[in-house]
Amino acid sequence: MTFVVTENCIRCKYTDCVDVCPADCFHEGPNFLVINPETCIDCSLCVQECPADAIYADTDVPPDQTHFIELNAELAQLWPVIAAASEPMAEADMWIDQGDKLQFLER
């Protein structure tokens, strides 16, 4: 099992989850975070820290977001590791619960 960052993180990019990750498995893109399934140790500490409720166990990802399992694995190979928290995106509070955000994902 691994954990997966899903759509609600797009355009928010809160990094509270990064601070509690003992395995440095988060990778940072321009407006989204992903978890590397190869380095995730399944500790689940990140889940409760995510203000956007965007992190799920891969077995619990909502059915309409299962494509994020592959997307996390793919983008983790391209984006750098983030090991310390930073400020969320400027308009994160406005975007936190917006739906249909995949179209805004910047690679």
PDB file of N, CA and C in Angstrom:
ATOM      1  N   MET A   1       0.837  -1.184   0.000  1.00  0.00           N
ATOM      2  CA  MET A   1       0.000   0.000   0.000  1.00  0.00           C
ATOM      3  C   MET A   1       0.879   1.244   0.000  1.00  0.00           C
ATOM      4  N   THR A   2       0.362   2.284  -0.618  1.00  0.00           N
ATOM      5  CA  THR A   2       1.006   3.589  -0.606  1.00  0.00           C
ATOM      6  C   THR A   2      -0.076   4.647  -0.474  1.00  0.00           C
ATOM      7  N   PHE A   3       0.318   5.858  -0.290  1.00  0.00           N
ATOM      8  CA  PHE A   3      -0.633   6.956  -0.209  1.00  0.00           C
ATOM      9  C   PHE A   3      -0.550   7.792  -1.469  1.00  0.00           C
ATOM     10  N   VAL A   4      -1.648   8.468  -1.789  1.00  0.00           N
ATOM     11  CA  VAL A   4      -1.799   9.162  -3.058  1.00  0.00           C
ATOM     12  C   VAL A   4      -2.367  10.557  -2.813  1.00  0.00           C
ATOM     13  N   VAL A   5      -1.779  11.546  -3.468  1.00  0.00           N
ATOM     14  CA  VAL A   5      -2.317  12.902  -3.430  1.00  0.00           C
ATOM     15  C   VAL A   5      -3.313  13.015  -4.590  1.00  0.00           C
ATOM     16  N   THR A   6      -4.493  13.541  -4.294  1.00  0.00           N
ATOM     17  CA  THR A   6      -5.550  13.616  -5.297  1.00  0.00           C
ATOM     18  C   THR A   6      -5.874  15.068  -5.672  1.00  0.00           C
ATOM     19  N   GLU A   7      -6.916  15.206  -6.450  1.00  0.00           N
ATOM     20  CA  GLU A   7      -7.269  16.462  -7.103  1.00  0.00           C
ATOM     21  C   GLU A   7      -7.381  17.671  -6.175  1.00  0.00           C
ATOM     22  N   ASN A   8      -7.819  17.493  -4.962  1.00  0.00           N
ATOM     23  CA  ASN A   8      -8.046  18.646  -4.102  1.00  0.00           C
ATOM     24  C   ASN A   8      -6.759  19.415  -3.778  1.00  0.00           C
ATOM     25  N   CYS A   9      -5.611  18.840  -4.041  1.00  0.00           N
ATOM     26  CA  CYS A   9      -4.339  19.529  -3.809  1.00  0.00           C
ATOM     27  C   CYS A   9      -4.005  20.528  -4.924  1.00  0.00           C
ATOM     28  N   ILE A  10      -4.549  20.303  -6.108  1.00  0.00           N
ATOM     29  CA  ILE A  10      -4.227  21.176  -7.245  1.00  0.00           C
ATOM     30  C   ILE A  10      -4.628  22.614  -6.924  1.00  0.00           C
ATOM     31  N   ARG A  11      -3.702  23.513  -7.165  1.00  0.00           N
ATOM     32  CA  ARG A  11      -3.839  24.952  -6.938  1.00  0.00           C
ATOM     33  C   ARG A  11      -3.922  25.331  -5.459  1.00  0.00           C
ATOM     34  N   CYS A  12      -3.674  24.399  -4.575  1.00  0.00           N
ATOM     35  CA  CYS A  12      -3.614  24.693  -3.135  1.00  0.00           C
ATOM     36  C   CYS A  12      -2.184  24.495  -2.652  1.00  0.00           C
ATOM     37  N   LYS A  13      -1.725  23.267  -2.790  1.00  0.00           N
ATOM     38  CA  LYS A  13      -0.364  22.887  -2.430  1.00  0.00           C
ATOM     39  C   LYS A  13       0.013  23.260  -1.000  1.00  0.00           C
ATOM     40  N   TYR A  14      -0.854  22.881  -0.071  1.00  0.00           N
ATOM     41  CA  TYR A  14      -0.491  22.996   1.341  1.00  0.00           C
ATOM     42  C   TYR A  14       0.618  21.977   1.590  1.00  0.00           C
ATOM     43  N   THR A  15       1.572  22.307   2.420  1.00  0.00           N
ATOM     44  CA  THR A  15       2.701  21.399   2.625  1.00  0.00           C
ATOM     45  C   THR A  15       2.824  20.921   4.071  1.00  0.00           C
ATOM     46  N   ASP A  16       1.756  20.996   4.818  1.00  0.00           N
ATOM     47  CA  ASP A  16       1.760  20.486   6.191  1.00  0.00           C
ATOM     48  C   ASP A  16       2.161  19.010   6.201  1.00  0.00           C
ATOM     49  N   CYS A  17       1.742  18.291   5.186  1.00  0.00           N
ATOM     50  CA  CYS A  17       2.025  16.859   5.055  1.00  0.00           C
ATOM     51  C   CYS A  17       3.525  16.581   4.932  1.00  0.00           C
ATOM     52  N   VAL A  18       4.224  17.477   4.289  1.00  0.00           N
ATOM     53  CA  VAL A  18       5.658  17.303   4.053  1.00  0.00           C
ATOM     54  C   VAL A  18       6.432  17.285   5.367  1.00  0.00           C
ATOM     55  N   ASP A  19       6.049  18.159   6.284  1.00  0.00           N
ATOM     56  CA  ASP A  19       6.750  18.262   7.570  1.00  0.00           C
ATOM     57  C   ASP A  19       6.699  16.986   8.394  1.00  0.00           C
ATOM     58  N   VAL A  20       5.643  16.205   8.266  1.00  0.00           N
ATOM     59  CA  VAL A  20       5.503  15.005   9.094  1.00  0.00           C
ATOM     60  C   VAL A  20       5.989  13.737   8.406  1.00  0.00           C
ATOM     61  N   CYS A  21       6.355  13.833   7.140  1.00  0.00           N
ATOM     62  CA  CYS A  21       6.773  12.644   6.386  1.00  0.00           C
ATOM     63  C   CYS A  21       8.192  12.220   6.781  1.00  0.00           C
ATOM     64  N   PRO A  22       8.343  11.030   7.366  1.00  0.00           N
ATOM     65  CA  PRO A  22       9.673  10.575   7.764  1.00  0.00           C
ATOM     66  C   PRO A  22      10.489  10.005   6.601  1.00  0.00           C
ATOM     67  N   ALA A  23       9.867   9.840   5.440  1.00  0.00           N
ATOM     68  CA  ALA A  23      10.552   9.198   4.311  1.00  0.00           C
ATOM     69  C   ALA A  23      10.868  10.146   3.158  1.00  0.00           C
ATOM     70  N   ASP A  24      10.549  11.423   3.300  1.00  0.00           N
ATOM     71  CA  ASP A  24      10.770  12.393   2.219  1.00  0.00           C
ATOM     72  C   ASP A  24      10.246  11.871   0.885  1.00  0.00           C
ATOM     73  N   CYS A  25       8.997  11.436   0.881  1.00  0.00           N
ATOM     74  CA  CYS A  25       8.438  10.854  -0.340  1.00  0.00           C
ATOM     75  C   CYS A  25       7.605  11.840  -1.153  1.00  0.00           C
ATOM     76  N   PHE A  26       7.495  13.084  -0.693  1.00  0.00           N
ATOM     77  CA  PHE A  26       6.734  14.082  -1.448  1.00  0.00           C
ATOM     78  C   PHE A  26       7.612  14.736  -2.501  1.00  0.00           C
ATOM     79  N   HIS A  27       6.998  14.988  -3.647  1.00  0.00           N
ATOM     80  CA  HIS A  27       7.652  15.677  -4.754  1.00  0.00           C
ATOM     81  C   HIS A  27       6.780  16.874  -5.111  1.00  0.00           C
ATOM     82  N   GLU A  28       7.439  17.981  -5.486  1.00  0.00           N
ATOM     83  CA  GLU A  28       6.732  19.236  -5.699  1.00  0.00           C
ATOM     84  C   GLU A  28       6.760  19.666  -7.150  1.00  0.00           C
ATOM     85  N   GLY A  29       5.557  19.957  -7.665  1.00  0.00           N
ATOM     86  CA  GLY A  29       5.414  20.547  -8.981  1.00  0.00           C
ATOM     87  C   GLY A  29       4.975  21.988  -8.836  1.00  0.00           C
ATOM     88  N   PRO A  30       4.689  22.648  -9.951  1.00  0.00           N
ATOM     89  CA  PRO A  30       4.319  24.059  -9.896  1.00  0.00           C
ATOM     90  C   PRO A  30       3.071  24.355  -9.051  1.00  0.00           C
ATOM     91  N   ASN A  31       2.062  23.474  -9.099  1.00  0.00           N
ATOM     92  CA  ASN A  31       0.846  23.755  -8.333  1.00  0.00           C
ATOM     93  C   ASN A  31       0.206  22.494  -7.745  1.00  0.00           C
ATOM     94  N   PHE A  32       1.040  21.501  -7.430  1.00  0.00           N
ATOM     95  CA  PHE A  32       0.536  20.216  -6.958  1.00  0.00           C
ATOM     96  C   PHE A  32       1.686  19.458  -6.303  1.00  0.00           C
ATOM     97  N   LEU A  33       1.365  18.629  -5.332  1.00  0.00           N
ATOM     98  CA  LEU A  33       2.337  17.721  -4.713  1.00  0.00           C
ATOM     99  C   LEU A  33       1.955  16.294  -5.080  1.00  0.00           C
ATOM    100  N   VAL A  34       2.940  15.403  -5.143  1.00  0.00           N
ATOM    101  CA  VAL A  34       2.674  13.981  -5.346  1.00  0.00           C
ATOM    102  C   VAL A  34       3.503  13.178  -4.349  1.00  0.00           C
ATOM    103  N   ILE A  35       3.086  11.936  -4.155  1.00  0.00           N
ATOM    104  CA  ILE A  35       3.816  11.008  -3.293  1.00  0.00           C
ATOM    105  C   ILE A  35       4.449   9.946  -4.169  1.00  0.00           C
ATOM    106  N   ASN A  36       5.721   9.704  -3.929  1.00  0.00           N
ATOM    107  CA  ASN A  36       6.429   8.659  -4.665  1.00  0.00           C
ATOM    108  C   ASN A  36       6.071   7.308  -4.040  1.00  0.00           C
ATOM    109  N   PRO A  37       5.403   6.437  -4.797  1.00  0.00           N
ATOM    110  CA  PRO A  37       5.000   5.148  -4.220  1.00  0.00           C
ATOM    111  C   PRO A  37       6.185   4.239  -3.895  1.00  0.00           C
ATOM    112  N   GLU A  38       7.335   4.519  -4.488  1.00  0.00           N
ATOM    113  CA  GLU A  38       8.523   3.695  -4.225  1.00  0.00           C
ATOM    114  C   GLU A  38       9.198   4.048  -2.909  1.00  0.00           C
ATOM    115  N   THR A  39       8.972   5.258  -2.414  1.00  0.00           N
ATOM    116  CA  THR A  39       9.621   5.664  -1.164  1.00  0.00           C
ATOM    117  C   THR A  39       8.646   5.822   0.002  1.00  0.00           C
ATOM    118  N   CYS A  40       7.356   5.820  -0.278  1.00  0.00           N
ATOM    119  CA  CYS A  40       6.344   5.923   0.776  1.00  0.00           C
ATOM    120  C   CYS A  40       6.420   4.681   1.670  1.00  0.00           C
ATOM    121  N   ILE A  41       6.440   4.904   2.981  1.00  0.00           N
ATOM    122  CA  ILE A  41       6.527   3.781   3.921  1.00  0.00           C
ATOM    123  C   ILE A  41       5.181   3.462   4.571  1.00  0.00           C
ATOM    124  N   ASP A  42       4.118   4.014   4.026  1.00  0.00           N
ATOM    125  CA  ASP A  42       2.754   3.695   4.458  1.00  0.00           C
ATOM    126  C   ASP A  42       2.477   4.047   5.916  1.00  0.00           C
ATOM    127  N   CYS A  43       3.075   5.097   6.411  1.00  0.00           N
ATOM    128  CA  CYS A  43       2.890   5.459   7.818  1.00  0.00           C
ATOM    129  C   CYS A  43       1.576   6.197   8.071  1.00  0.00           C
ATOM    130  N   SER A  44       1.015   6.807   7.064  1.00  0.00           N
ATOM    131  CA  SER A  44      -0.256   7.546   7.088  1.00  0.00           C
ATOM    132  C   SER A  44      -0.211   8.867   7.863  1.00  0.00           C
ATOM    133  N   LEU A  45       0.941   9.307   8.305  1.00  0.00           N
ATOM    134  CA  LEU A  45       1.032  10.560   9.058  1.00  0.00           C
ATOM    135  C   LEU A  45       0.560  11.757   8.237  1.00  0.00           C
ATOM    136  N   CYS A  46       0.769  11.708   6.950  1.00  0.00           N
ATOM    137  CA  CYS A  46       0.418  12.824   6.079  1.00  0.00           C
ATOM    138  C   CYS A  46      -1.084  13.034   5.953  1.00  0.00           C
ATOM    139  N   VAL A  47      -1.851  11.980   6.044  1.00  0.00           N
ATOM    140  CA  VAL A  47      -3.294  12.049   5.809  1.00  0.00           C
ATOM    141  C   VAL A  47      -3.962  13.055   6.738  1.00  0.00           C
ATOM    142  N   GLN A  48      -3.718  12.947   8.013  1.00  0.00           N
ATOM    143  CA  GLN A  48      -4.369  13.831   8.979  1.00  0.00           C
ATOM    144  C   GLN A  48      -3.841  15.255   8.940  1.00  0.00           C
ATOM    145  N   GLU A  49      -2.674  15.460   8.351  1.00  0.00           N
ATOM    146  CA  GLU A  49      -2.084  16.799   8.296  1.00  0.00           C
ATOM    147  C   GLU A  49      -2.548  17.618   7.098  1.00  0.00           C
ATOM    148  N   CYS A  50      -3.162  16.986   6.129  1.00  0.00           N
ATOM    149  CA  CYS A  50      -3.556  17.673   4.896  1.00  0.00           C
ATOM    150  C   CYS A  50      -4.824  18.498   5.110  1.00  0.00           C
ATOM    151  N   PRO A  51      -4.731  19.831   5.077  1.00  0.00           N
ATOM    152  CA  PRO A  51      -5.911  20.666   5.278  1.00  0.00           C
ATOM    153  C   PRO A  51      -6.934  20.530   4.153  1.00  0.00           C
ATOM    154  N   ALA A  52      -6.498  20.046   2.999  1.00  0.00           N
ATOM    155  CA  ALA A  52      -7.387  19.907   1.845  1.00  0.00           C
ATOM    156  C   ALA A  52      -8.025  18.521   1.767  1.00  0.00           C
ATOM    157  N   ASP A  53      -7.694  17.647   2.688  1.00  0.00           N
ATOM    158  CA  ASP A  53      -8.194  16.261   2.644  1.00  0.00           C
ATOM    159  C   ASP A  53      -7.954  15.638   1.268  1.00  0.00           C
ATOM    160  N   ALA A  54      -6.744  15.808   0.761  1.00  0.00           N
ATOM    161  CA  ALA A  54      -6.414  15.360  -0.590  1.00  0.00           C
ATOM    162  C   ALA A  54      -5.601  14.075  -0.621  1.00  0.00           C
ATOM    163  N   ILE A  55      -5.269  13.493   0.539  1.00  0.00           N
ATOM    164  CA  ILE A  55      -4.404  12.313   0.572  1.00  0.00           C
ATOM    165  C   ILE A  55      -5.193  11.095   1.031  1.00  0.00           C
ATOM    166  N   TYR A  56      -5.056  10.010   0.250  1.00  0.00           N
ATOM    167  CA  TYR A  56      -5.767   8.760   0.539  1.00  0.00           C
ATOM    168  C   TYR A  56      -4.813   7.583   0.416  1.00  0.00           C
ATOM    169  N   ALA A  57      -5.121   6.525   1.121  1.00  0.00           N
ATOM    170  CA  ALA A  57      -4.448   5.252   0.852  1.00  0.00           C
ATOM    171  C   ALA A  57      -4.841   4.845  -0.559  1.00  0.00           C
ATOM    172  N   ASP A  58      -3.935   4.198  -1.285  1.00  0.00           N
ATOM    173  CA  ASP A  58      -4.250   3.850  -2.671  1.00  0.00           C
ATOM    174  C   ASP A  58      -5.478   2.950  -2.789  1.00  0.00           C
ATOM    175  N   THR A  59      -5.790   2.226  -1.739  1.00  0.00           N
ATOM    176  CA  THR A  59      -6.971   1.356  -1.750  1.00  0.00           C
ATOM    177  C   THR A  59      -8.260   2.110  -1.421  1.00  0.00           C
ATOM    178  N   ASP A  60      -8.132   3.369  -0.996  1.00  0.00           N
ATOM    179  CA  ASP A  60      -9.295   4.167  -0.604  1.00  0.00           C
ATOM    180  C   ASP A  60      -9.539   5.390  -1.492  1.00  0.00           C
ATOM    181  N   VAL A  61      -8.771   5.511  -2.559  1.00  0.00           N
ATOM    182  CA  VAL A  61      -8.944   6.657  -3.453  1.00  0.00           C
ATOM    183  C   VAL A  61     -10.365   6.618  -4.020  1.00  0.00           C
ATOM    184  N   PRO A  62     -11.074   7.760  -4.013  1.00  0.00           N
ATOM    185  CA  PRO A  62     -12.423   7.766  -4.585  1.00  0.00           C
ATOM    186  C   PRO A  62     -12.409   7.256  -6.034  1.00  0.00           C
ATOM    187  N   PRO A  63     -13.425   6.523  -6.427  1.00  0.00           N
ATOM    188  CA  PRO A  63     -13.455   5.913  -7.761  1.00  0.00           C
ATOM    189  C   PRO A  63     -13.221   6.887  -8.919  1.00  0.00           C
ATOM    190  N   ASP A  64     -13.684   8.119  -8.774  1.00  0.00           N
ATOM    191  CA  ASP A  64     -13.502   9.084  -9.864  1.00  0.00           C
ATOM    192  C   ASP A  64     -12.100   9.702  -9.873  1.00  0.00           C
ATOM    193  N   GLN A  65     -11.225   9.283  -8.943  1.00  0.00           N
ATOM    194  CA  GLN A  65      -9.876   9.847  -8.883  1.00  0.00           C
ATOM    195  C   GLN A  65      -8.782   8.785  -8.922  1.00  0.00           C
ATOM    196  N   THR A  66      -9.122   7.573  -9.297  1.00  0.00           N
ATOM    197  CA  THR A  66      -8.113   6.506  -9.310  1.00  0.00           C
ATOM    198  C   THR A  66      -6.965   6.794 -10.281  1.00  0.00           C
ATOM    199  N   HIS A  67      -7.188   7.633 -11.279  1.00  0.00           N
ATOM    200  CA  HIS A  67      -6.116   7.990 -12.210  1.00  0.00           C
ATOM    201  C   HIS A  67      -4.974   8.736 -11.502  1.00  0.00           C
ATOM    202  N   PHE A  68      -5.243   9.266 -10.307  1.00  0.00           N
ATOM    203  CA  PHE A  68      -4.189   9.945  -9.551  1.00  0.00           C
ATOM    204  C   PHE A  68      -3.151   8.962  -9.000  1.00  0.00           C
ATOM    205  N   ILE A  69      -3.474   7.703  -8.917  1.00  0.00           N
ATOM    206  CA  ILE A  69      -2.491   6.705  -8.474  1.00  0.00           C
ATOM    207  C   ILE A  69      -1.341   6.658  -9.468  1.00  0.00           C
ATOM    208  N   GLU A  70      -1.666   6.537 -10.742  1.00  0.00           N
ATOM    209  CA  GLU A  70      -0.626   6.523 -11.790  1.00  0.00           C
ATOM    210  C   GLU A  70       0.021   7.887 -11.942  1.00  0.00           C
ATOM    211  N   LEU A  71      -0.767   8.955 -11.805  1.00  0.00           N
ATOM    212  CA  LEU A  71      -0.236  10.304 -11.950  1.00  0.00           C
ATOM    213  C   LEU A  71       0.806  10.605 -10.885  1.00  0.00           C
ATOM    214  N   ASN A  72       0.573  10.188  -9.642  1.00  0.00           N
ATOM    215  CA  ASN A  72       1.559  10.379  -8.575  1.00  0.00           C
ATOM    216  C   ASN A  72       2.864   9.661  -8.920  1.00  0.00           C
ATOM    217  N   ALA A  73       2.756   8.415  -9.357  1.00  0.00           N
ATOM    218  CA  ALA A  73       3.952   7.636  -9.698  1.00  0.00           C
ATOM    219  C   ALA A  73       4.718   8.278 -10.855  1.00  0.00           C
ATOM    220  N   GLU A  74       3.994   8.734 -11.849  1.00  0.00           N
ATOM    221  CA  GLU A  74       4.625   9.354 -13.018  1.00  0.00           C
ATOM    222  C   GLU A  74       5.334  10.657 -12.666  1.00  0.00           C
ATOM    223  N   LEU A  75       4.636  11.553 -11.987  1.00  0.00           N
ATOM    224  CA  LEU A  75       5.200  12.873 -11.690  1.00  0.00           C
ATOM    225  C   LEU A  75       6.289  12.818 -10.626  1.00  0.00           C
ATOM    226  N   ALA A  76       6.250  11.839  -9.751  1.00  0.00           N
ATOM    227  CA  ALA A  76       7.315  11.683  -8.748  1.00  0.00           C
ATOM    228  C   ALA A  76       8.657  11.420  -9.418  1.00  0.00           C
ATOM    229  N   GLN A  77       8.633  10.852 -10.610  1.00  0.00           N
ATOM    230  CA  GLN A  77       9.876  10.589 -11.342  1.00  0.00           C
ATOM    231  C   GLN A  77      10.416  11.852 -12.018  1.00  0.00           C
ATOM    232  N   LEU A  78       9.569  12.866 -12.149  1.00  0.00           N
ATOM    233  CA  LEU A  78       9.955  14.086 -12.863  1.00  0.00           C
ATOM    234  C   LEU A  78      10.235  15.273 -11.950  1.00  0.00           C
ATOM    235  N   TRP A  79       9.534  15.341 -10.840  1.00  0.00           N
ATOM    236  CA  TRP A  79       9.620  16.503  -9.963  1.00  0.00           C
ATOM    237  C   TRP A  79      10.587  16.269  -8.806  1.00  0.00           C
ATOM    238  N   PRO A  80      11.171  17.355  -8.263  1.00  0.00           N
ATOM    239  CA  PRO A  80      12.115  17.217  -7.147  1.00  0.00           C
ATOM    240  C   PRO A  80      11.420  16.900  -5.828  1.00  0.00           C
ATOM    241  N   VAL A  81      12.170  16.272  -4.946  1.00  0.00           N
ATOM    242  CA  VAL A  81      11.693  15.988  -3.590  1.00  0.00           C
ATOM    243  C   VAL A  81      11.542  17.305  -2.847  1.00  0.00           C
ATOM    244  N   ILE A  82      10.505  17.400  -2.047  1.00  0.00           N
ATOM    245  CA  ILE A  82      10.329  18.533  -1.143  1.00  0.00           C
ATOM    246  C   ILE A  82      10.395  17.959   0.272  1.00  0.00           C
ATOM    247  N   ALA A  83      11.296  18.492   1.089  1.00  0.00           N
ATOM    248  CA  ALA A  83      11.522  17.928   2.414  1.00  0.00           C
ATOM    249  C   ALA A  83      11.154  18.875   3.552  1.00  0.00           C
ATOM    250  N   ALA A  84      10.713  20.076   3.213  1.00  0.00           N
ATOM    251  CA  ALA A  84      10.321  21.041   4.246  1.00  0.00           C
ATOM    252  C   ALA A  84       9.079  21.791   3.776  1.00  0.00           C
ATOM    253  N   ALA A  85       8.257  22.152   4.724  1.00  0.00           N
ATOM    254  CA  ALA A  85       7.033  22.872   4.398  1.00  0.00           C
ATOM    255  C   ALA A  85       7.344  24.255   3.845  1.00  0.00           C
ATOM    256  N   SER A  86       6.435  24.738   3.020  1.00  0.00           N
ATOM    257  CA  SER A  86       6.521  26.102   2.502  1.00  0.00           C
ATOM    258  C   SER A  86       5.113  26.684   2.513  1.00  0.00           C
ATOM    259  N   GLU A  87       4.990  27.909   2.127  1.00  0.00           N
ATOM    260  CA  GLU A  87       3.681  28.555   2.118  1.00  0.00           C
ATOM    261  C   GLU A  87       2.798  27.925   1.045  1.00  0.00           C
ATOM    262  N   PRO A  88       1.496  27.803   1.310  1.00  0.00           N
ATOM    263  CA  PRO A  88       0.587  27.311   0.266  1.00  0.00           C
ATOM    264  C   PRO A  88       0.484  28.347  -0.853  1.00  0.00           C
ATOM    265  N   MET A  89      -0.144  27.976  -1.919  1.00  0.00           N
ATOM    266  CA  MET A  89      -0.334  28.899  -3.026  1.00  0.00           C
ATOM    267  C   MET A  89      -1.184  30.078  -2.556  1.00  0.00           C
ATOM    268  N   ALA A  90      -0.997  31.228  -3.177  1.00  0.00           N
ATOM    269  CA  ALA A  90      -1.643  32.469  -2.740  1.00  0.00           C
ATOM    270  C   ALA A  90      -3.162  32.363  -2.639  1.00  0.00           C
ATOM    271  N   GLU A  91      -3.792  31.655  -3.541  1.00  0.00           N
ATOM    272  CA  GLU A  91      -5.250  31.550  -3.547  1.00  0.00           C
ATOM    273  C   GLU A  91      -5.733  30.178  -3.082  1.00  0.00           C
ATOM    274  N   ALA A  92      -4.942  29.508  -2.268  1.00  0.00           N
ATOM    275  CA  ALA A  92      -5.266  28.149  -1.828  1.00  0.00           C
ATOM    276  C   ALA A  92      -6.628  28.063  -1.154  1.00  0.00           C
ATOM    277  N   ASP A  93      -6.933  29.021  -0.291  1.00  0.00           N
ATOM    278  CA  ASP A  93      -8.212  28.969   0.415  1.00  0.00           C
ATOM    279  C   ASP A  93      -9.401  29.057  -0.542  1.00  0.00           C
ATOM    280  N   MET A  94      -9.220  29.754  -1.647  1.00  0.00           N
ATOM    281  CA  MET A  94     -10.286  29.874  -2.635  1.00  0.00           C
ATOM    282  C   MET A  94     -10.475  28.567  -3.420  1.00  0.00           C
ATOM    283  N   TRP A  95      -9.372  27.834  -3.649  1.00  0.00           N
ATOM    284  CA  TRP A  95      -9.401  26.634  -4.488  1.00  0.00           C
ATOM    285  C   TRP A  95      -9.590  25.341  -3.715  1.00  0.00           C
ATOM    286  N   ILE A  96      -9.511  25.370  -2.399  1.00  0.00           N
ATOM    287  CA  ILE A  96      -9.430  24.147  -1.602  1.00  0.00           C
ATOM    288  C   ILE A  96     -10.530  23.124  -1.899  1.00  0.00           C
ATOM    289  N   ASP A  97     -11.751  23.535  -2.060  1.00  0.00           N
ATOM    290  CA  ASP A  97     -12.819  22.563  -2.266  1.00  0.00           C
ATOM    291  C   ASP A  97     -13.479  22.674  -3.638  1.00  0.00           C
ATOM    292  N   GLN A  98     -12.785  23.265  -4.586  1.00  0.00           N
ATOM    293  CA  GLN A  98     -13.308  23.351  -5.944  1.00  0.00           C
ATOM    294  C   GLN A  98     -13.160  21.996  -6.622  1.00  0.00           C
ATOM    295  N   GLY A  99     -14.116  21.626  -7.417  1.00  0.00           N
ATOM    296  CA  GLY A  99     -14.034  20.375  -8.159  1.00  0.00           C
ATOM    297  C   GLY A  99     -13.459  20.594  -9.545  1.00  0.00           C
ATOM    298  N   ASP A 100     -13.235  19.511 -10.258  1.00  0.00           N
ATOM    299  CA  ASP A 100     -12.790  19.550 -11.646  1.00  0.00           C
ATOM    300  C   ASP A 100     -11.529  20.396 -11.840  1.00  0.00           C
ATOM    301  N   LYS A 101     -10.512  20.141 -11.010  1.00  0.00           N
ATOM    302  CA  LYS A 101      -9.281  20.931 -11.070  1.00  0.00           C
ATOM    303  C   LYS A 101      -8.175  20.286 -11.887  1.00  0.00           C
ATOM    304  N   LEU A 102      -8.356  19.059 -12.357  1.00  0.00           N
ATOM    305  CA  LEU A 102      -7.298  18.387 -13.106  1.00  0.00           C
ATOM    306  C   LEU A 102      -6.854  19.212 -14.308  1.00  0.00           C
ATOM    307  N   GLN A 103      -7.775  19.919 -14.916  1.00  0.00           N
ATOM    308  CA  GLN A 103      -7.449  20.755 -16.077  1.00  0.00           C
ATOM    309  C   GLN A 103      -6.437  21.850 -15.745  1.00  0.00           C
ATOM    310  N   PHE A 104      -6.279  22.189 -14.481  1.00  0.00           N
ATOM    311  CA  PHE A 104      -5.354  23.231 -14.062  1.00  0.00           C
ATOM    312  C   PHE A 104      -3.991  22.704 -13.614  1.00  0.00           C
ATOM    313  N   LEU A 105      -3.819  21.399 -13.631  1.00  0.00           N
ATOM    314  CA  LEU A 105      -2.546  20.818 -13.201  1.00  0.00           C
ATOM    315  C   LEU A 105      -1.424  21.257 -14.132  1.00  0.00           C
ATOM    316  N   GLU A 106      -0.391  21.858 -13.559  1.00  0.00           N
ATOM    317  CA  GLU A 106       0.784  22.274 -14.324  1.00  0.00           C
ATOM    318  C   GLU A 106       1.867  21.224 -14.161  1.00  0.00           C
ATOM    319  N   ARG A 107       2.392  20.786 -15.244  1.00  0.00           N
ATOM    320  CA  ARG A 107       3.448  19.783 -15.207  1.00  0.00           C
ATOM    321  C   ARG A 107       4.770  20.477 -15.288  1.00  0.00           C
TER     322      ARG A 107
END
